[in-house]
Amino acid sequence: MLTDFKSVHFVGIGGTAMASAAVALRERGFTVTGSDQDVIYPPMSTFLAERGIVPQAGYAESNLAHKPDLVVIGNAISRGNPEAEYVLDHKLRYCSLPELLKECFIRGKRSLVVTGTHGKTTTASLLAWVFESAGLHPSFLIGGIPANLGQGARFTDSPWFILEGDEYDTAFFDKRSKFVYYLPEVAIINNLEMDHADIFGSVADIQLAFRRFINLIPRNGLLLANGDEPNLTPLLPVKHCPVKRFGLGEANEIRATGIHLRANASEFQIAGAKFDLPLIGELNVRNALAVAACARHCGLTDAQIQEAFATFRGVERRMTVRGETRGIAVVDDFGHHPTAIRETLRALRVKFPGRRLWAVFEPRSNTTRRNIFQTELVDALERADVIVVAEVARLEQLPLEERLNPEKLMQDLQLTGKPAAYLPTVDSILDHIAAGAKEGDVVCVFSNGGFGNIHPRLLTRLGAHKPVES
């Protein structure tokens, strides 16, 4: 058990979840130290400093000279890290963050876990806001920043704990998925597709991880699963807990009907009860359907759910309009999987009807750098009118036979009749967009990283550049 310690050190304290857990422990009276690579920047540096934690910049054995009772090792830490090596050399007690969360924060709570390949962050954020709006003040751990809540993690005395459940591995010493630590009472599975190709070799491998997660749901819990997702179907015939399918198809017990997608909102019905929320696109209807089903199961009324829906302000980097200059809108989206890109582009067609749509994509994730989605990326990106693909990140680190082939991607995109360009630098991308953008265009940038601070730079460049005449 991890509850008999007084001092704790966090290796990789700069992440949202790590920092939030560190602060929560300090507020409970523990002595907390931490370190991270180089310098931690706002907002997390400010968050830690305001709460009395000043991390060490850089990893060093000396950071552990005080021999803390417990060392929490972050997911990004690998063998060779001096602090990880010191922990192993000196037999210090260590654990992963998910293990710490399970024993110190989740155990004894009513844990609601949102999982799936797509939509986890939005769904978990919306669910947390529904509970917060209803006055239940839940704990939550989310892989993004919900605008209504202002932070990605919080630990309270509420019996409710809402978690975004990630299927990615836990730590260098524990290759199980993080979500196996989250003690789910209610589990939402939005969808299941190939992803995280650096740790999963096939859809079957991912299904196995989710099967293990489903096996943890207690008999008095509930599995809420997308009944329209074929990759989930083999996992649902379980007898140890109740199962309810949600979706748009007629076979689902919980079904969204009467769907109306508007430019700035979406509406749907569940068995005649109407819901309306300021999110766009069919994917967000599915997300909201799962939230409504979960909240109802937990005793909230439709009126409470709708009140929260009406005031939900979304999540940073999910179809976020970063600005508009000279009639050209710049949108920031975290999408890095072909399905997410495709659904975002479909939703943007609803939000910006009749406007020319650019897709600017950075192949940066461990999956999109590989050729697993060579064909699927063509199908997703061709939903835009103009396509720009940035240089594939760290391509030289992959075996030649595994790499995404940018030349073939360009050839296949051009065969669709859509103008497409593969450009090596952010500067060349800015030049290309500034030369071709017209008033009324919408430029959506897809990246799960910083992408060279492209959004403000693009707005500045477009504002200073005379648009091409129509």
Protein backbone atom coordinates (compact mmCIF):
# COMPACT_ATOMS: atom_id res chain seq x y z
CA MET A 1 0.00 0.00 0.00
CA LEU A 2 1.12 3.55 -0.73
CA THR A 3 -0.47 5.39 2.16
CA ASP A 4 2.29 5.12 4.79
CA PHE A 5 4.66 7.83 3.55
CA LYS A 6 5.37 11.40 4.61
CA SER A 7 7.66 12.71 1.88
CA VAL A 8 7.25 12.25 -1.87
CA HIS A 9 9.23 13.31 -4.92
CA PHE A 10 7.70 13.62 -8.40
CA VAL A 11 10.00 12.88 -11.35
CA GLY A 12 8.39 14.79 -14.22
CA ILE A 13 6.28 17.09 -12.06
CA GLY A 14 5.47 19.56 -14.85
CA GLY A 15 2.56 17.61 -16.35
CA THR A 16 -0.98 18.65 -15.46
CA ALA A 17 -1.84 15.44 -13.62
CA MET A 18 1.52 15.12 -11.86
CA ALA A 19 1.47 18.73 -10.69
CA SER A 20 -2.13 18.48 -9.49
CA ALA A 21 -1.40 15.32 -7.52
CA ALA A 22 1.71 16.91 -6.03
CA VAL A 23 -0.23 19.96 -4.85
CA ALA A 24 -3.05 17.81 -3.46
CA LEU A 25 -0.57 15.82 -1.38
CA ARG A 26 1.14 18.97 -0.11
CA GLU A 27 -2.24 20.36 0.95
CA ARG A 28 -2.74 17.16 2.94
CA GLY A 29 0.45 17.82 4.88
CA PHE A 30 3.01 15.76 2.94
CA THR A 31 6.48 17.05 2.15
CA VAL A 32 6.59 17.34 -1.66
CA THR A 33 9.50 17.92 -4.02
CA GLY A 34 9.78 17.49 -7.74
CA SER A 35 11.84 17.89 -10.87
CA ASP A 36 11.32 18.17 -14.59
CA GLN A 37 13.31 18.60 -17.75
CA ASP A 38 14.87 22.08 -17.93
CA VAL A 39 12.38 24.82 -17.03
CA ILE A 40 8.66 24.39 -16.38
CA TYR A 41 6.65 27.15 -18.05
CA PRO A 42 3.31 28.72 -17.14
CA PRO A 43 0.64 27.80 -16.40
CA MET A 44 2.05 24.81 -14.50
CA SER A 45 5.07 26.67 -13.09
CA THR A 46 2.75 29.32 -11.67
CA PHE A 47 0.31 26.69 -10.40
CA LEU A 48 3.09 24.95 -8.46
CA ALA A 49 4.84 28.09 -7.19
CA GLU A 50 1.62 29.62 -5.85
CA ARG A 51 1.14 26.46 -3.82
CA GLY A 52 4.64 26.35 -2.39
CA ILE A 53 6.34 23.87 -4.73
CA VAL A 54 9.43 25.02 -6.63
CA PRO A 55 10.66 22.14 -8.82
CA GLN A 56 14.26 21.44 -9.66
CA ALA A 57 15.07 22.32 -13.29
CA GLY A 58 16.57 19.23 -14.86
CA TYR A 59 16.99 15.68 -13.61
CA ALA A 60 19.86 14.86 -11.27
CA GLU A 61 20.69 12.26 -8.64
CA SER A 62 21.18 15.07 -6.13
CA ASN A 63 17.47 15.83 -6.33
CA LEU A 64 16.90 12.58 -4.42
CA ALA A 65 19.70 12.94 -1.87
CA HIS A 66 17.13 13.52 0.87
CA LYS A 67 15.81 9.95 0.26
CA PRO A 68 12.06 10.61 0.06
CA ASP A 69 9.68 7.93 1.34
CA LEU A 70 8.12 7.57 -2.12
CA VAL A 71 9.10 8.56 -5.66
CA VAL A 72 6.39 8.99 -8.29
CA ILE A 73 7.85 8.39 -11.75
CA GLY A 74 6.07 10.01 -14.68
CA ASN A 75 5.02 8.30 -17.88
CA ALA A 76 7.56 10.23 -19.97
CA ILE A 77 10.52 9.03 -17.88
CA SER A 78 12.62 6.20 -19.32
CA ARG A 79 15.63 4.15 -18.29
CA GLY A 80 18.75 6.27 -18.37
CA ASN A 81 17.09 9.14 -16.55
CA PRO A 82 19.48 9.87 -13.64
CA GLU A 83 16.70 10.01 -11.06
CA ALA A 84 15.11 6.77 -12.25
CA GLU A 85 18.52 5.09 -12.11
CA TYR A 86 19.14 6.46 -8.60
CA VAL A 87 15.79 5.12 -7.41
CA LEU A 88 16.64 1.65 -8.71
CA ASP A 89 20.23 1.72 -7.42
CA HIS A 90 19.18 2.73 -3.89
CA LYS A 91 16.05 0.57 -3.69
CA LEU A 92 13.82 3.58 -3.02
CA ARG A 93 10.10 2.94 -3.01
CA TYR A 94 8.55 4.11 -6.28
CA CYS A 95 5.29 3.96 -8.18
CA SER A 96 3.55 5.36 -11.23
CA LEU A 97 1.10 8.23 -11.11
CA PRO A 98 -1.93 6.00 -11.87
CA GLU A 99 -0.97 3.73 -8.97
CA LEU A 100 -0.68 6.74 -6.66
CA LEU A 101 -4.06 8.03 -7.83
CA LYS A 102 -5.70 4.67 -7.20
CA GLU A 103 -4.48 4.28 -3.64
CA CYS A 104 -4.48 7.89 -2.43
CA PHE A 105 -7.32 9.58 -4.31
CA ILE A 106 -9.72 7.18 -6.10
CA ARG A 107 -10.18 4.29 -3.68
CA GLY A 108 -13.49 4.63 -1.87
CA LYS A 109 -14.84 7.12 -4.43
CA ARG A 110 -17.51 6.60 -7.08
CA SER A 111 -15.25 6.52 -10.10
CA LEU A 112 -16.66 7.44 -13.53
CA VAL A 113 -14.11 6.65 -16.25
CA VAL A 114 -14.36 7.92 -19.84
CA THR A 115 -12.37 5.93 -22.37
CA GLY A 116 -12.11 5.37 -26.12
CA THR A 117 -9.92 6.34 -29.04
CA HIS A 118 -11.70 9.66 -29.70
CA GLY A 119 -13.63 12.20 -27.68
CA LYS A 120 -12.34 11.26 -24.23
CA THR A 121 -11.29 14.75 -23.24
CA THR A 122 -14.46 16.48 -24.41
CA THR A 123 -16.71 13.80 -22.90
CA ALA A 124 -14.91 13.77 -19.55
CA SER A 125 -14.92 17.58 -19.46
CA LEU A 126 -18.63 17.75 -20.20
CA LEU A 127 -19.39 15.08 -17.60
CA ALA A 128 -17.33 16.90 -14.97
CA TRP A 129 -19.14 20.14 -15.75
CA VAL A 130 -22.56 18.44 -15.48
CA PHE A 131 -21.64 17.26 -11.96
CA GLU A 132 -20.05 20.61 -11.04
CA SER A 133 -23.06 22.55 -12.33
CA ALA A 134 -25.32 20.33 -10.22
CA GLY A 135 -23.36 21.32 -7.10
CA LEU A 136 -21.62 17.95 -6.62
CA HIS A 137 -18.06 19.41 -6.76
CA PRO A 138 -16.43 16.27 -8.18
CA SER A 139 -12.78 15.36 -8.31
CA PHE A 140 -11.58 15.06 -11.88
CA LEU A 141 -8.54 14.18 -13.96
CA ILE A 142 -8.75 15.21 -17.61
CA GLY A 143 -6.14 15.33 -20.37
CA GLY A 144 -7.03 18.88 -21.37
CA ILE A 145 -8.25 22.16 -19.92
CA PRO A 146 -12.08 22.48 -19.74
CA ALA A 147 -12.90 26.17 -20.11
CA ASN A 148 -15.56 26.01 -17.38
CA LEU A 149 -13.22 24.44 -14.83
CA GLY A 150 -9.95 26.19 -15.68
CA GLN A 151 -7.72 23.24 -14.86
CA GLY A 152 -7.24 19.66 -15.93
CA ALA A 153 -7.24 18.04 -12.52
CA ARG A 154 -8.73 18.64 -9.09
CA PHE A 155 -9.07 16.55 -5.93
CA THR A 156 -11.99 17.22 -3.60
CA ASP A 157 -13.86 15.53 -0.75
CA SER A 158 -16.78 14.72 -3.06
CA PRO A 159 -17.70 11.03 -3.42
CA TRP A 160 -17.53 11.50 -7.20
CA PHE A 161 -14.35 11.18 -9.25
CA ILE A 162 -14.44 11.69 -13.02
CA LEU A 163 -11.44 10.48 -15.00
CA GLU A 164 -10.31 10.45 -18.59
CA GLY A 165 -9.10 6.88 -18.95
CA ASP A 166 -6.11 6.54 -21.25
CA GLU A 167 -5.20 3.20 -22.81
CA TYR A 168 -1.56 4.30 -23.15
CA ASP A 169 0.97 2.48 -20.98
CA THR A 170 1.58 3.50 -17.39
CA ALA A 171 5.37 3.79 -16.96
CA PHE A 172 8.63 2.31 -18.19
CA PHE A 173 8.27 -0.37 -15.51
CA ASP A 174 4.54 -1.03 -16.05
CA LYS A 175 3.25 -1.51 -19.58
CA ARG A 176 -0.39 -1.98 -18.63
CA SER A 177 -2.83 0.71 -19.71
CA LYS A 178 -3.29 3.57 -17.25
CA PHE A 179 -7.02 3.02 -16.97
CA VAL A 180 -6.64 -0.35 -15.23
CA TYR A 181 -5.84 1.62 -12.05
CA TYR A 182 -8.96 3.78 -12.06
CA LEU A 183 -11.44 1.51 -10.21
CA PRO A 184 -14.37 2.17 -12.58
CA GLU A 185 -17.88 2.08 -11.19
CA VAL A 186 -19.27 3.43 -14.44
CA ALA A 187 -17.18 3.06 -17.59
CA ILE A 188 -17.89 4.90 -20.83
CA ILE A 189 -16.26 3.54 -23.99
CA ASN A 190 -16.81 5.99 -26.85
CA ASN A 191 -15.12 4.02 -29.62
CA LEU A 192 -12.16 1.76 -30.36
CA GLU A 193 -9.76 2.11 -33.27
CA MET A 194 -6.10 1.50 -34.01
CA ASP A 195 -3.90 4.04 -32.25
CA HIS A 196 -0.67 4.26 -30.23
CA ALA A 197 1.22 2.13 -32.73
CA ASP A 198 4.35 2.46 -30.62
CA ILE A 199 2.84 0.15 -27.98
CA PHE A 200 -0.04 -1.66 -29.71
CA GLY A 201 0.60 -3.87 -32.72
CA SER A 202 -3.02 -4.30 -33.78
CA VAL A 203 -6.66 -3.54 -32.98
CA ALA A 204 -6.75 -6.93 -31.26
CA ASP A 205 -4.06 -5.74 -28.83
CA ILE A 206 -6.14 -2.66 -28.00
CA GLN A 207 -9.25 -4.79 -27.58
CA LEU A 208 -7.35 -6.91 -25.07
CA ALA A 209 -6.46 -3.80 -23.05
CA PHE A 210 -10.10 -2.71 -23.04
CA ARG A 211 -11.25 -6.22 -22.15
CA ARG A 212 -9.03 -6.09 -19.07
CA PHE A 213 -10.50 -2.70 -18.18
CA ILE A 214 -14.08 -3.99 -18.58
CA ASN A 215 -13.25 -6.88 -16.24
CA LEU A 216 -12.73 -4.36 -13.42
CA ILE A 217 -16.30 -2.98 -13.48
CA PRO A 218 -18.16 -4.25 -10.38
CA ARG A 219 -21.49 -6.05 -10.58
CA ASN A 220 -23.24 -2.96 -9.19
CA GLY A 221 -21.55 -0.75 -11.79
CA LEU A 222 -22.35 -0.09 -15.44
CA LEU A 223 -20.63 -0.33 -18.81
CA LEU A 224 -21.85 2.30 -21.27
CA ALA A 225 -20.56 1.41 -24.72
CA ASN A 226 -20.96 2.87 -28.19
CA GLY A 227 -23.23 0.31 -29.82
CA ASP A 228 -22.41 1.63 -33.29
CA GLU A 229 -18.69 0.77 -32.96
CA PRO A 230 -17.95 -2.63 -34.55
CA ASN A 231 -14.60 -3.00 -32.79
CA LEU A 232 -16.41 -2.86 -29.43
CA THR A 233 -19.08 -5.43 -30.27
CA PRO A 234 -16.95 -8.50 -29.37
CA LEU A 235 -16.19 -7.02 -25.94
CA LEU A 236 -19.77 -6.40 -24.82
CA PRO A 237 -21.19 -9.87 -24.10
CA VAL A 238 -20.22 -9.83 -20.41
CA LYS A 239 -22.24 -11.13 -17.47
CA HIS A 240 -20.40 -9.67 -14.51
CA CYS A 241 -21.91 -6.17 -14.83
CA PRO A 242 -24.81 -4.41 -16.58
CA VAL A 243 -24.15 -3.21 -20.14
CA LYS A 244 -26.04 -0.48 -22.00
CA ARG A 245 -25.32 0.50 -25.57
CA PHE A 246 -25.65 4.11 -26.68
CA GLY A 247 -25.52 5.55 -30.17
CA LEU A 248 -27.52 6.58 -33.20
CA GLY A 249 -28.52 3.14 -34.49
CA GLU A 250 -31.89 1.57 -33.73
CA ALA A 251 -30.36 -1.36 -31.82
CA ASN A 252 -29.05 0.89 -29.00
CA GLU A 253 -30.88 1.00 -25.67
CA ILE A 254 -29.94 4.69 -25.34
CA ARG A 255 -30.38 6.38 -28.69
CA ALA A 256 -30.02 9.95 -29.97
CA THR A 257 -32.79 10.92 -32.36
CA GLY A 258 -34.05 14.17 -33.82
CA ILE A 259 -30.49 15.34 -34.38
CA HIS A 260 -30.15 18.89 -35.67
CA LEU A 261 -26.63 20.20 -36.30
CA ARG A 262 -26.38 24.00 -36.34
CA ALA A 263 -23.42 26.33 -36.90
CA ASN A 264 -22.86 26.94 -33.20
CA ALA A 265 -24.83 24.21 -31.45
CA SER A 266 -26.30 20.73 -31.73
CA GLU A 267 -29.56 19.31 -30.49
CA PHE A 268 -30.89 15.79 -30.05
CA GLN A 269 -33.46 13.79 -28.14
CA ILE A 270 -33.35 10.73 -25.91
CA ALA A 271 -36.77 9.06 -25.86
CA GLY A 272 -38.44 12.43 -26.36
CA ALA A 273 -36.33 14.39 -23.84
CA LYS A 274 -34.64 17.26 -25.68
CA PHE A 275 -31.02 18.32 -25.18
CA ASP A 276 -29.17 21.24 -26.74
CA LEU A 277 -25.51 22.10 -26.34
CA PRO A 278 -23.09 24.67 -27.81
CA LEU A 279 -20.85 22.06 -29.47
CA ILE A 280 -20.85 21.25 -33.15
CA GLY A 281 -20.84 18.04 -35.12
CA GLU A 282 -22.18 14.51 -34.87
CA LEU A 283 -19.20 13.30 -32.85
CA ASN A 284 -20.11 15.76 -30.10
CA VAL A 285 -23.71 14.55 -30.15
CA ARG A 286 -22.37 11.07 -29.40
CA ASN A 287 -20.16 12.49 -26.64
CA ALA A 288 -23.10 14.32 -25.07
CA LEU A 289 -25.31 11.23 -25.38
CA ALA A 290 -22.80 9.24 -23.32
CA VAL A 291 -22.65 12.01 -20.72
CA ALA A 292 -26.44 12.20 -20.43
CA ALA A 293 -26.68 8.42 -20.06
CA CYS A 294 -24.04 8.37 -17.33
CA ALA A 295 -25.47 11.36 -15.45
CA ARG A 296 -28.97 9.89 -15.53
CA HIS A 297 -27.64 6.60 -14.15
CA CYS A 298 -25.99 8.53 -11.30
CA GLY A 299 -29.26 10.21 -10.34
CA LEU A 300 -29.10 13.59 -12.06
CA THR A 301 -32.22 14.95 -13.72
CA ASP A 302 -32.61 15.92 -17.36
CA ALA A 303 -33.07 19.52 -16.24
CA GLN A 304 -29.71 19.47 -14.41
CA ILE A 305 -28.03 17.91 -17.42
CA GLN A 306 -29.47 20.43 -19.86
CA GLU A 307 -28.56 23.37 -17.62
CA ALA A 308 -24.94 22.24 -17.69
CA PHE A 309 -25.02 21.54 -21.44
CA ALA A 310 -26.29 25.06 -22.11
CA THR A 311 -23.40 26.66 -20.22
CA PHE A 312 -20.57 24.37 -21.37
CA ARG A 313 -17.73 26.35 -22.97
CA GLY A 314 -15.71 23.50 -24.45
CA VAL A 315 -12.11 22.41 -24.12
CA GLU A 316 -8.94 24.16 -25.22
CA ARG A 317 -7.63 22.97 -28.60
CA ARG A 318 -10.87 21.29 -29.66
CA MET A 319 -12.05 23.25 -32.71
CA THR A 320 -10.92 26.42 -30.95
CA VAL A 321 -11.09 29.55 -33.09
CA ARG A 322 -7.84 31.31 -32.23
CA GLY A 323 -8.72 34.45 -34.16
CA GLU A 324 -9.84 35.94 -37.43
CA THR A 325 -8.02 38.51 -39.51
CA ARG A 326 -9.03 40.00 -42.85
CA GLY A 327 -11.93 37.59 -42.94
CA ILE A 328 -9.72 34.50 -42.55
CA ALA A 329 -10.37 32.35 -39.46
CA VAL A 330 -7.62 30.28 -37.80
CA VAL A 331 -8.77 27.20 -35.90
CA ASP A 332 -6.69 25.12 -33.47
CA ASP A 333 -7.52 21.42 -33.12
CA PHE A 334 -5.75 18.61 -31.29
CA GLY A 335 -6.82 16.04 -33.92
CA HIS A 336 -4.03 13.64 -34.86
CA HIS A 337 -5.95 10.50 -35.84
CA PRO A 338 -7.65 10.18 -39.26
CA THR A 339 -11.09 9.70 -37.72
CA ALA A 340 -10.71 12.76 -35.49
CA ILE A 341 -9.48 14.84 -38.43
CA ARG A 342 -12.35 13.69 -40.64
CA GLU A 343 -15.02 14.37 -38.00
CA THR A 344 -13.57 17.79 -37.18
CA LEU A 345 -13.59 18.78 -40.85
CA ARG A 346 -17.20 17.58 -41.13
CA ALA A 347 -18.14 19.69 -38.11
CA LEU A 348 -16.32 22.74 -39.48
CA ARG A 349 -18.41 22.45 -42.65
CA VAL A 350 -21.44 22.93 -40.41
CA LYS A 351 -19.87 25.76 -38.41
CA PHE A 352 -18.57 27.63 -41.46
CA PRO A 353 -21.00 26.78 -44.27
CA GLY A 354 -19.88 27.75 -47.75
CA ARG A 355 -16.38 28.81 -46.73
CA ARG A 356 -13.20 27.37 -48.22
CA LEU A 357 -11.56 25.06 -45.69
CA TRP A 358 -7.82 24.47 -45.25
CA ALA A 359 -6.40 21.48 -43.35
CA VAL A 360 -2.86 22.01 -42.05
CA PHE A 361 -1.66 18.76 -40.50
CA GLU A 362 1.46 17.96 -38.50
CA PRO A 363 2.17 14.17 -38.49
CA ARG A 364 3.67 14.12 -35.03
CA SER A 365 2.10 11.29 -33.01
CA ASN A 366 3.73 7.89 -32.76
CA THR A 367 0.96 6.50 -34.95
CA THR A 368 0.67 9.10 -37.72
CA ARG A 369 4.44 9.09 -38.19
CA ARG A 370 4.03 5.51 -39.31
CA ASN A 371 2.41 4.18 -42.49
CA ILE A 372 -0.43 2.50 -40.60
CA PHE A 373 -2.77 5.30 -41.72
CA GLN A 374 -1.22 5.94 -45.14
CA THR A 375 -4.58 5.43 -46.87
CA GLU A 376 -6.85 6.66 -44.06
CA LEU A 377 -5.09 10.05 -43.95
CA VAL A 378 -5.99 10.62 -47.59
CA ASP A 379 -9.67 9.93 -46.87
CA ALA A 380 -9.62 12.27 -43.85
CA LEU A 381 -7.67 15.18 -45.31
CA GLU A 382 -9.50 15.27 -48.64
CA ARG A 383 -12.55 16.56 -46.73
CA ALA A 384 -10.78 19.94 -46.83
CA ASP A 385 -10.53 22.14 -49.92
CA VAL A 386 -6.81 22.88 -49.54
CA ILE A 387 -4.34 20.62 -47.75
CA VAL A 388 -0.93 21.30 -46.20
CA VAL A 389 1.10 18.56 -44.52
CA ALA A 390 4.09 19.48 -42.38
CA GLU A 391 7.30 17.49 -42.33
CA VAL A 392 6.82 14.18 -40.53
CA ALA A 393 8.35 14.51 -37.07
CA ARG A 394 11.40 12.40 -36.20
CA LEU A 395 10.94 10.24 -39.29
CA GLU A 396 14.58 9.15 -39.22
CA GLN A 397 13.96 7.39 -35.88
CA LEU A 398 11.65 4.83 -37.51
CA PRO A 399 12.64 1.83 -39.65
CA LEU A 400 12.21 2.64 -43.34
CA GLU A 401 9.46 0.06 -43.80
CA GLU A 402 7.36 1.59 -41.00
CA ARG A 403 7.54 5.24 -42.05
CA LEU A 404 4.67 7.31 -43.40
CA ASN A 405 5.49 8.03 -47.05
CA PRO A 406 4.92 11.78 -47.59
CA GLU A 407 5.49 11.58 -51.35
CA LYS A 408 2.82 8.93 -51.77
CA LEU A 409 0.49 10.88 -49.46
CA MET A 410 0.87 13.94 -51.70
CA GLN A 411 0.33 11.90 -54.88
CA ASP A 412 -2.82 10.29 -53.50
CA LEU A 413 -4.20 13.62 -52.26
CA GLN A 414 -3.54 15.30 -55.59
CA LEU A 415 -5.41 12.48 -57.35
CA THR A 416 -8.50 13.60 -55.45
CA GLY A 417 -8.28 16.93 -57.24
CA LYS A 418 -7.48 18.88 -54.07
CA PRO A 419 -4.39 21.11 -53.98
CA ALA A 420 -1.95 19.60 -51.51
CA ALA A 421 1.56 20.58 -50.40
CA TYR A 422 4.18 18.91 -48.23
CA LEU A 423 6.28 21.65 -46.62
CA PRO A 424 9.36 21.20 -44.43
CA THR A 425 9.17 24.15 -42.02
CA VAL A 426 6.65 26.33 -40.23
CA ASP A 427 8.04 29.34 -42.11
CA SER A 428 7.38 27.69 -45.47
CA ILE A 429 3.86 26.80 -44.34
CA LEU A 430 3.20 30.40 -43.30
CA ASP A 431 4.48 31.61 -46.69
CA HIS A 432 2.27 29.13 -48.53
CA ILE A 433 -0.91 30.00 -46.64
CA ALA A 434 -0.29 33.75 -46.80
CA ALA A 435 0.18 33.51 -50.56
CA GLY A 436 -2.98 31.47 -51.15
CA ALA A 437 -5.51 32.38 -48.48
CA LYS A 438 -8.57 34.40 -49.47
CA GLU A 439 -11.09 36.37 -47.48
CA GLY A 440 -13.65 33.94 -46.09
CA ASP A 441 -11.21 31.02 -45.78
CA VAL A 442 -11.00 28.88 -42.65
CA VAL A 443 -7.56 27.46 -41.79
CA CYS A 444 -7.69 24.54 -39.35
CA VAL A 445 -4.36 23.47 -37.87
CA PHE A 446 -4.23 19.87 -36.64
CA SER A 447 -1.45 19.05 -34.19
CA ASN A 448 -1.00 17.42 -30.79
CA GLY A 449 2.09 19.55 -30.15
CA GLY A 450 3.21 23.17 -30.17
CA PHE A 451 3.85 23.19 -33.96
CA GLY A 452 6.27 26.11 -33.75
CA ASN A 453 3.68 28.45 -32.20
CA ILE A 454 2.04 28.50 -35.61
CA HIS A 455 -1.38 29.91 -34.65
CA PRO A 456 -0.44 33.43 -33.49
CA ARG A 457 2.28 33.61 -36.13
CA LEU A 458 -0.24 32.73 -38.82
CA LEU A 459 -2.72 35.35 -37.61
CA THR A 460 0.03 37.97 -37.60
CA ARG A 461 1.20 36.97 -41.04
CA LEU A 462 -2.29 36.94 -42.54
CA GLY A 463 -3.03 40.32 -40.99
CA ALA A 464 0.06 41.82 -42.61
CA HIS A 465 -0.39 40.12 -45.97
CA LYS A 466 -2.74 41.30 -48.67
CA PRO A 467 -5.21 38.45 -49.37
CA VAL A 468 -5.38 37.02 -52.86
CA GLU A 469 -8.17 38.56 -54.92
CA SER A 470 -11.14 36.29 -55.50
